[in-house]
């Protein structure tokens, strides 16, 4: 039942992200039925491959959103040097999990388990994607 609920939630989030002009996120059901992840691989303006992942965890007070960034097939030191300490410029610095090249923004936002919450999840993911793309574009210009 929870996995069906997760699948429904993921589809709703994906539909909203597509409407915002972002590609389709692949969905991964975690071992725990209360956790769901969506991930999207893309090529940045620096012609390197990245992955943006959102992780949703059901908690007593709603759905907790976390955002993960990965530099796919990049050397971790190069990736961290390029990305700096806080590439999304969120109030709280991310955890830098190395290897394999992850920035983890835990507990970015907690939303309600309803249509408004689904919209906020999509907005948060779209905002992270746009911030990341803008950051990569800006950094790749300044390093040329």
N, C-alpha and C. Protein backbone atom coordinates (compact mmCIF):
# COMPACT_ATOMS: atom_id res chain seq x y z
N UNK A 1 0.83 -1.21 0.00
CA UNK A 1 0.00 0.00 0.00
C UNK A 1 0.87 1.27 0.00
N UNK A 2 1.93 1.28 0.86
CA UNK A 2 2.82 2.44 0.91
C UNK A 2 3.58 2.60 -0.40
N UNK A 3 4.00 1.49 -1.00
CA UNK A 3 4.74 1.57 -2.27
C UNK A 3 3.85 2.12 -3.38
N UNK A 4 2.57 1.77 -3.34
CA UNK A 4 1.63 2.30 -4.32
C UNK A 4 1.46 3.81 -4.11
N UNK A 5 1.39 4.22 -2.84
CA UNK A 5 1.29 5.64 -2.50
C UNK A 5 2.54 6.39 -2.98
N UNK A 6 3.72 5.76 -2.79
CA UNK A 6 4.97 6.36 -3.25
C UNK A 6 4.99 6.53 -4.76
N UNK A 7 4.53 5.50 -5.45
CA UNK A 7 4.51 5.53 -6.91
C UNK A 7 3.61 6.66 -7.41
N UNK A 8 2.48 6.82 -6.76
CA UNK A 8 1.53 7.87 -7.10
C UNK A 8 2.15 9.25 -6.84
N UNK A 9 2.80 9.39 -5.70
CA UNK A 9 3.47 10.65 -5.35
C UNK A 9 4.56 10.97 -6.37
N UNK A 10 5.37 9.98 -6.70
CA UNK A 10 6.47 10.18 -7.66
C UNK A 10 5.93 10.62 -9.02
N UNK A 11 4.84 10.02 -9.45
CA UNK A 11 4.26 10.37 -10.75
C UNK A 11 3.75 11.81 -10.74
N UNK A 12 3.11 12.20 -9.65
CA UNK A 12 2.61 13.58 -9.54
C UNK A 12 3.76 14.59 -9.57
N UNK A 13 4.83 14.28 -8.82
CA UNK A 13 5.99 15.17 -8.80
C UNK A 13 6.61 15.25 -10.19
N UNK A 14 6.76 14.09 -10.84
CA UNK A 14 7.33 14.06 -12.19
C UNK A 14 6.52 14.89 -13.18
N UNK A 15 5.21 14.76 -13.11
CA UNK A 15 4.34 15.53 -14.00
C UNK A 15 4.56 17.03 -13.81
N UNK A 16 4.64 17.45 -12.55
CA UNK A 16 4.86 18.87 -12.27
C UNK A 16 6.23 19.33 -12.75
N UNK A 17 7.25 18.48 -12.58
CA UNK A 17 8.60 18.84 -13.04
C UNK A 17 8.65 18.94 -14.56
N UNK A 18 7.95 18.04 -15.24
CA UNK A 18 7.90 18.12 -16.72
C UNK A 18 7.24 19.42 -17.15
N UNK A 19 6.18 19.82 -16.43
CA UNK A 19 5.50 21.08 -16.75
C UNK A 19 6.41 22.28 -16.53
N UNK A 20 7.41 22.13 -15.67
CA UNK A 20 8.37 23.21 -15.42
C UNK A 20 9.55 23.15 -16.39
N UNK A 21 9.48 22.23 -17.36
CA UNK A 21 10.51 22.15 -18.39
C UNK A 21 11.75 21.37 -17.98
N UNK A 22 11.63 20.58 -16.92
CA UNK A 22 12.76 19.75 -16.48
C UNK A 22 12.46 18.33 -16.94
N UNK A 23 13.50 17.62 -17.31
CA UNK A 23 13.32 16.25 -17.81
C UNK A 23 12.72 15.31 -16.79
N UNK A 24 12.49 14.09 -17.23
CA UNK A 24 11.85 13.08 -16.39
C UNK A 24 12.85 12.49 -15.38
N UNK A 25 12.45 12.49 -14.13
CA UNK A 25 13.26 11.88 -13.09
C UNK A 25 12.94 10.40 -13.04
N UNK A 26 13.98 9.58 -12.93
CA UNK A 26 13.78 8.15 -12.72
C UNK A 26 13.50 7.95 -11.23
N UNK A 27 12.66 6.99 -10.92
CA UNK A 27 12.25 6.79 -9.54
C UNK A 27 12.89 5.52 -8.99
N UNK A 28 13.38 5.62 -7.78
CA UNK A 28 13.95 4.46 -7.10
C UNK A 28 13.24 4.29 -5.76
N UNK A 29 12.65 3.14 -5.55
CA UNK A 29 12.02 2.83 -4.27
C UNK A 29 13.11 2.30 -3.34
N UNK A 30 13.29 2.94 -2.20
CA UNK A 30 14.30 2.49 -1.24
C UNK A 30 13.84 1.20 -0.57
N UNK A 31 14.77 0.56 0.13
CA UNK A 31 14.40 -0.66 0.86
C UNK A 31 13.29 -0.38 1.86
N UNK A 32 13.37 0.78 2.50
CA UNK A 32 12.32 1.18 3.42
C UNK A 32 11.14 1.73 2.62
N UNK A 33 9.96 1.24 2.91
CA UNK A 33 8.77 1.68 2.17
C UNK A 33 8.46 3.15 2.41
N UNK A 34 9.04 3.73 3.47
CA UNK A 34 8.74 5.13 3.78
C UNK A 34 9.70 6.10 3.11
N UNK A 35 10.57 5.58 2.25
CA UNK A 35 11.55 6.44 1.57
C UNK A 35 11.49 6.21 0.06
N UNK A 36 11.58 7.31 -0.67
CA UNK A 36 11.48 7.29 -2.12
C UNK A 36 12.51 8.26 -2.67
N UNK A 37 13.11 7.93 -3.81
CA UNK A 37 14.07 8.85 -4.42
C UNK A 37 13.77 9.01 -5.90
N UNK A 38 14.00 10.21 -6.39
CA UNK A 38 13.92 10.47 -7.82
C UNK A 38 15.25 11.03 -8.25
N UNK A 39 15.76 10.62 -9.40
CA UNK A 39 17.04 11.15 -9.85
C UNK A 39 17.00 11.48 -11.33
N UNK A 40 17.83 12.46 -11.69
CA UNK A 40 17.86 13.00 -13.04
C UNK A 40 19.32 13.24 -13.41
N UNK A 41 19.80 12.61 -14.47
CA UNK A 41 21.16 12.83 -14.96
C UNK A 41 21.11 13.88 -16.07
N UNK A 42 22.08 14.79 -16.06
CA UNK A 42 22.11 15.81 -17.11
C UNK A 42 23.55 16.26 -17.34
N UNK A 43 23.76 16.88 -18.49
CA UNK A 43 25.06 17.43 -18.84
C UNK A 43 25.02 18.93 -18.52
N UNK A 44 25.98 19.38 -17.72
CA UNK A 44 26.05 20.79 -17.35
C UNK A 44 26.67 21.63 -18.46
N UNK A 45 26.68 22.93 -18.28
CA UNK A 45 27.27 23.84 -19.26
C UNK A 45 28.77 23.61 -19.44
N UNK A 46 29.37 22.89 -18.49
CA UNK A 46 30.80 22.57 -18.59
C UNK A 46 31.03 21.23 -19.30
N UNK A 47 29.94 20.69 -19.88
CA UNK A 47 29.98 19.41 -20.61
C UNK A 47 30.35 18.21 -19.73
N UNK A 48 30.11 18.32 -18.44
CA UNK A 48 30.31 17.20 -17.52
C UNK A 48 28.95 16.69 -17.07
N UNK A 49 28.95 15.44 -16.64
CA UNK A 49 27.68 14.82 -16.26
C UNK A 49 27.42 14.97 -14.76
N UNK A 50 26.19 15.30 -14.45
CA UNK A 50 25.76 15.48 -13.06
C UNK A 50 24.49 14.67 -12.81
N UNK A 51 24.25 14.43 -11.53
CA UNK A 51 22.98 13.83 -11.14
C UNK A 51 22.39 14.66 -10.01
N UNK A 52 21.12 15.01 -10.17
CA UNK A 52 20.36 15.66 -9.11
C UNK A 52 19.39 14.61 -8.59
N UNK A 53 19.36 14.44 -7.29
CA UNK A 53 18.48 13.44 -6.70
C UNK A 53 17.67 14.09 -5.59
N UNK A 54 16.41 13.76 -5.52
CA UNK A 54 15.64 14.16 -4.35
C UNK A 54 15.25 12.90 -3.60
N UNK A 55 15.26 13.01 -2.28
CA UNK A 55 14.87 11.89 -1.43
C UNK A 55 13.72 12.37 -0.56
N UNK A 56 12.64 11.60 -0.57
CA UNK A 56 11.46 11.92 0.23
C UNK A 56 11.31 10.87 1.31
N UNK A 57 11.18 11.32 2.55
CA UNK A 57 10.98 10.39 3.66
C UNK A 57 9.69 10.78 4.38
N UNK A 58 8.83 9.79 4.55
CA UNK A 58 7.62 10.03 5.33
C UNK A 58 7.98 10.07 6.80
N UNK A 59 7.56 11.13 7.47
CA UNK A 59 7.80 11.29 8.90
C UNK A 59 6.46 11.61 9.56
N UNK A 60 6.45 11.66 10.88
CA UNK A 60 5.20 11.94 11.60
C UNK A 60 4.61 13.28 11.21
N UNK A 61 5.49 14.26 10.95
CA UNK A 61 5.01 15.61 10.68
C UNK A 61 4.88 15.93 9.19
N UNK A 62 4.99 14.93 8.31
CA UNK A 62 4.83 15.17 6.88
C UNK A 62 5.88 14.44 6.07
N UNK A 63 6.23 15.02 4.94
CA UNK A 63 7.23 14.43 4.05
C UNK A 63 8.47 15.32 4.07
N UNK A 64 9.61 14.72 4.40
CA UNK A 64 10.87 15.46 4.50
C UNK A 64 11.61 15.33 3.16
N UNK A 65 12.02 16.48 2.61
CA UNK A 65 12.72 16.51 1.33
C UNK A 65 14.21 16.73 1.57
N UNK A 66 15.03 15.89 0.94
CA UNK A 66 16.48 16.11 0.92
C UNK A 66 16.93 16.16 -0.53
N UNK A 67 17.98 16.90 -0.80
CA UNK A 67 18.50 17.07 -2.16
C UNK A 67 19.95 16.58 -2.19
N UNK A 68 20.27 15.76 -3.19
CA UNK A 68 21.62 15.24 -3.37
C UNK A 68 22.14 15.68 -4.73
N UNK A 69 23.45 16.01 -4.80
CA UNK A 69 24.10 16.35 -6.06
C UNK A 69 25.31 15.43 -6.23
N UNK A 70 25.48 14.90 -7.42
CA UNK A 70 26.59 14.00 -7.71
C UNK A 70 27.30 14.44 -8.98
N UNK A 71 28.62 14.39 -8.96
CA UNK A 71 29.41 14.63 -10.16
C UNK A 71 29.74 13.28 -10.77
N UNK A 72 28.96 12.87 -11.72
CA UNK A 72 29.10 11.53 -12.29
C UNK A 72 30.38 11.42 -13.12
N UNK A 73 31.11 10.35 -12.90
CA UNK A 73 32.34 10.07 -13.64
C UNK A 73 33.36 11.20 -13.54
N UNK A 74 33.33 11.93 -12.43
CA UNK A 74 34.31 13.00 -12.22
C UNK A 74 35.21 12.61 -11.05
N UNK A 75 36.44 13.03 -11.11
CA UNK A 75 37.33 12.81 -9.97
C UNK A 75 36.83 13.64 -8.80
N UNK A 76 36.73 13.02 -7.64
CA UNK A 76 36.09 13.71 -6.53
C UNK A 76 36.77 15.02 -6.18
N UNK A 77 38.12 15.10 -6.18
CA UNK A 77 38.77 16.35 -5.82
C UNK A 77 38.47 17.45 -6.84
N UNK A 78 38.46 17.11 -8.12
CA UNK A 78 38.11 18.10 -9.15
C UNK A 78 36.68 18.59 -8.95
N UNK A 79 35.80 17.64 -8.68
CA UNK A 79 34.38 17.97 -8.47
C UNK A 79 34.22 18.92 -7.29
N UNK A 80 34.83 18.59 -6.16
CA UNK A 80 34.70 19.44 -4.97
C UNK A 80 35.37 20.80 -5.17
N UNK A 81 36.51 20.83 -5.87
CA UNK A 81 37.17 22.11 -6.14
C UNK A 81 36.28 23.00 -6.99
N UNK A 82 35.64 22.41 -8.00
CA UNK A 82 34.77 23.16 -8.90
C UNK A 82 33.50 23.63 -8.19
N UNK A 83 32.89 22.75 -7.40
CA UNK A 83 31.60 23.05 -6.78
C UNK A 83 31.69 23.92 -5.53
N UNK A 84 32.81 23.90 -4.84
CA UNK A 84 32.94 24.70 -3.63
C UNK A 84 32.17 24.10 -2.46
N UNK A 85 31.88 24.93 -1.47
CA UNK A 85 31.27 24.43 -0.23
C UNK A 85 29.77 24.29 -0.28
N UNK A 86 29.09 25.16 -1.01
CA UNK A 86 27.64 25.19 -0.96
C UNK A 86 27.08 25.63 -2.32
N UNK A 87 27.16 24.75 -3.33
CA UNK A 87 26.79 25.17 -4.68
C UNK A 87 25.33 25.62 -4.84
N UNK A 88 24.43 25.14 -4.00
CA UNK A 88 23.03 25.57 -4.12
C UNK A 88 22.76 26.85 -3.33
N UNK A 89 23.75 27.30 -2.57
CA UNK A 89 23.62 28.53 -1.78
C UNK A 89 22.42 28.46 -0.84
N UNK A 90 22.22 27.31 -0.22
CA UNK A 90 21.16 27.17 0.79
C UNK A 90 21.69 27.71 2.12
N UNK A 91 20.78 28.06 3.04
CA UNK A 91 21.23 28.59 4.33
C UNK A 91 22.15 27.62 5.10
N UNK A 92 21.89 26.32 4.96
CA UNK A 92 22.70 25.33 5.67
C UNK A 92 23.63 24.64 4.68
N UNK A 93 24.93 24.61 4.98
CA UNK A 93 25.89 23.94 4.10
C UNK A 93 25.59 22.44 4.03
N UNK A 94 25.86 21.84 2.87
CA UNK A 94 25.60 20.41 2.72
C UNK A 94 26.70 19.56 3.35
N UNK A 95 26.38 18.29 3.50
CA UNK A 95 27.39 17.30 3.87
C UNK A 95 28.11 16.94 2.58
N UNK A 96 29.43 16.89 2.63
CA UNK A 96 30.20 16.47 1.44
C UNK A 96 30.61 15.03 1.69
N UNK A 97 30.00 14.12 0.97
CA UNK A 97 30.22 12.70 1.18
C UNK A 97 31.17 12.18 0.12
N UNK A 98 32.42 11.92 0.53
CA UNK A 98 33.39 11.49 -0.48
C UNK A 98 34.09 10.22 -0.06
N UNK A 99 34.57 9.39 -1.00
CA UNK A 99 33.92 9.31 -2.29
C UNK A 99 32.52 8.74 -2.11
N UNK A 100 31.64 8.79 -3.01
CA UNK A 100 31.77 9.06 -4.44
C UNK A 100 31.14 10.39 -4.85
N UNK A 101 31.67 11.49 -4.42
CA UNK A 101 31.26 12.80 -4.98
C UNK A 101 29.81 13.18 -4.72
N UNK A 102 29.37 13.19 -3.51
CA UNK A 102 27.99 13.63 -3.22
C UNK A 102 27.99 14.87 -2.35
N UNK A 103 27.10 15.78 -2.67
CA UNK A 103 26.70 16.85 -1.74
C UNK A 103 25.32 16.44 -1.25
N UNK A 104 25.14 16.44 0.04
CA UNK A 104 23.84 16.04 0.59
C UNK A 104 23.26 17.19 1.40
N UNK A 105 22.14 17.70 0.92
CA UNK A 105 21.39 18.72 1.64
C UNK A 105 20.23 17.99 2.33
N UNK A 106 20.43 17.68 3.61
CA UNK A 106 19.42 16.94 4.36
C UNK A 106 18.32 17.87 4.87
N UNK A 107 17.13 17.34 4.93
CA UNK A 107 16.00 18.06 5.54
C UNK A 107 15.87 19.49 5.03
N UNK A 108 15.80 19.64 3.72
CA UNK A 108 15.67 20.96 3.13
C UNK A 108 14.32 21.58 3.50
N UNK A 109 13.29 20.75 3.50
CA UNK A 109 11.94 21.23 3.75
C UNK A 109 11.06 20.06 4.16
N UNK A 110 10.09 20.31 5.03
CA UNK A 110 9.08 19.31 5.36
C UNK A 110 7.75 19.84 4.87
N UNK A 111 7.03 19.01 4.12
CA UNK A 111 5.76 19.44 3.54
C UNK A 111 4.65 18.48 3.96
N UNK A 112 3.43 18.95 3.78
CA UNK A 112 2.28 18.11 4.11
C UNK A 112 2.06 17.05 3.03
N UNK A 113 1.38 16.01 3.39
CA UNK A 113 1.12 14.89 2.49
C UNK A 113 -0.20 15.14 1.75
N UNK A 114 -0.19 16.18 0.89
CA UNK A 114 -1.39 16.52 0.12
C UNK A 114 -0.96 17.20 -1.18
N UNK A 115 -1.91 17.68 -1.95
CA UNK A 115 -1.60 18.31 -3.25
C UNK A 115 -0.66 19.50 -3.09
N UNK A 116 -0.87 20.29 -2.05
CA UNK A 116 -0.02 21.46 -1.82
C UNK A 116 1.42 21.01 -1.53
N UNK A 117 1.54 19.93 -0.76
CA UNK A 117 2.86 19.37 -0.45
C UNK A 117 3.57 18.88 -1.70
N UNK A 118 2.81 18.20 -2.58
CA UNK A 118 3.37 17.70 -3.84
C UNK A 118 3.90 18.88 -4.67
N UNK A 119 3.14 19.95 -4.73
CA UNK A 119 3.56 21.15 -5.48
C UNK A 119 4.84 21.73 -4.88
N UNK A 120 4.94 21.74 -3.55
CA UNK A 120 6.15 22.28 -2.89
C UNK A 120 7.36 21.38 -3.15
N UNK A 121 7.13 20.06 -3.22
CA UNK A 121 8.24 19.15 -3.54
C UNK A 121 8.77 19.49 -4.93
N UNK A 122 7.86 19.60 -5.90
CA UNK A 122 8.27 19.90 -7.28
C UNK A 122 8.97 21.26 -7.36
N UNK A 123 8.46 22.26 -6.63
CA UNK A 123 9.10 23.58 -6.62
C UNK A 123 10.51 23.51 -6.04
N UNK A 124 10.68 22.75 -4.97
CA UNK A 124 11.97 22.62 -4.31
C UNK A 124 12.98 21.94 -5.23
N UNK A 125 12.54 20.87 -5.89
CA UNK A 125 13.43 20.14 -6.80
C UNK A 125 13.78 21.00 -8.02
N UNK A 126 12.78 21.68 -8.58
CA UNK A 126 13.02 22.55 -9.74
C UNK A 126 13.97 23.69 -9.36
N UNK A 127 13.78 24.25 -8.18
CA UNK A 127 14.66 25.33 -7.70
C UNK A 127 16.09 24.81 -7.55
N UNK A 128 16.26 23.61 -6.99
CA UNK A 128 17.59 23.03 -6.83
C UNK A 128 18.24 22.81 -8.20
N UNK A 129 17.47 22.28 -9.13
CA UNK A 129 17.97 22.04 -10.49
C UNK A 129 18.41 23.35 -11.14
N UNK A 130 17.58 24.39 -11.04
CA UNK A 130 17.91 25.69 -11.64
C UNK A 130 19.13 26.33 -10.97
N UNK A 131 19.19 26.24 -9.64
CA UNK A 131 20.35 26.79 -8.91
C UNK A 131 21.63 26.07 -9.34
N UNK A 132 21.54 24.74 -9.45
CA UNK A 132 22.72 23.96 -9.82
C UNK A 132 23.17 24.29 -11.24
N UNK A 133 22.23 24.35 -12.17
CA UNK A 133 22.57 24.70 -13.56
C UNK A 133 23.19 26.09 -13.65
N UNK A 134 22.60 27.04 -12.94
CA UNK A 134 23.13 28.42 -12.96
C UNK A 134 24.53 28.46 -12.37
N UNK A 135 24.74 27.73 -11.28
CA UNK A 135 26.04 27.69 -10.63
C UNK A 135 27.10 27.11 -11.57
N UNK A 136 26.76 25.98 -12.21
CA UNK A 136 27.71 25.34 -13.13
C UNK A 136 28.04 26.29 -14.29
N UNK A 137 27.02 26.94 -14.84
CA UNK A 137 27.24 27.87 -15.95
C UNK A 137 28.16 29.02 -15.54
N UNK A 138 27.88 29.60 -14.37
CA UNK A 138 28.67 30.72 -13.86
C UNK A 138 30.12 30.29 -13.60
N UNK A 139 30.29 29.14 -12.95
CA UNK A 139 31.64 28.65 -12.63
C UNK A 139 32.41 28.25 -13.90
N UNK A 140 31.74 27.67 -14.87
CA UNK A 140 32.47 27.25 -16.07
C UNK A 140 32.89 28.45 -16.90
N UNK A 141 32.11 29.55 -16.84
CA UNK A 141 32.52 30.79 -17.53
C UNK A 141 33.75 31.38 -16.86
N UNK A 142 33.72 31.40 -15.51
CA UNK A 142 34.81 32.05 -14.79
C UNK A 142 36.10 31.24 -14.82
N UNK A 143 36.01 29.93 -15.13
CA UNK A 143 37.24 29.13 -15.15
C UNK A 143 37.83 29.02 -16.57
N UNK A 144 37.15 29.65 -17.54
CA UNK A 144 37.67 29.62 -18.93
C UNK A 144 38.52 30.85 -19.21
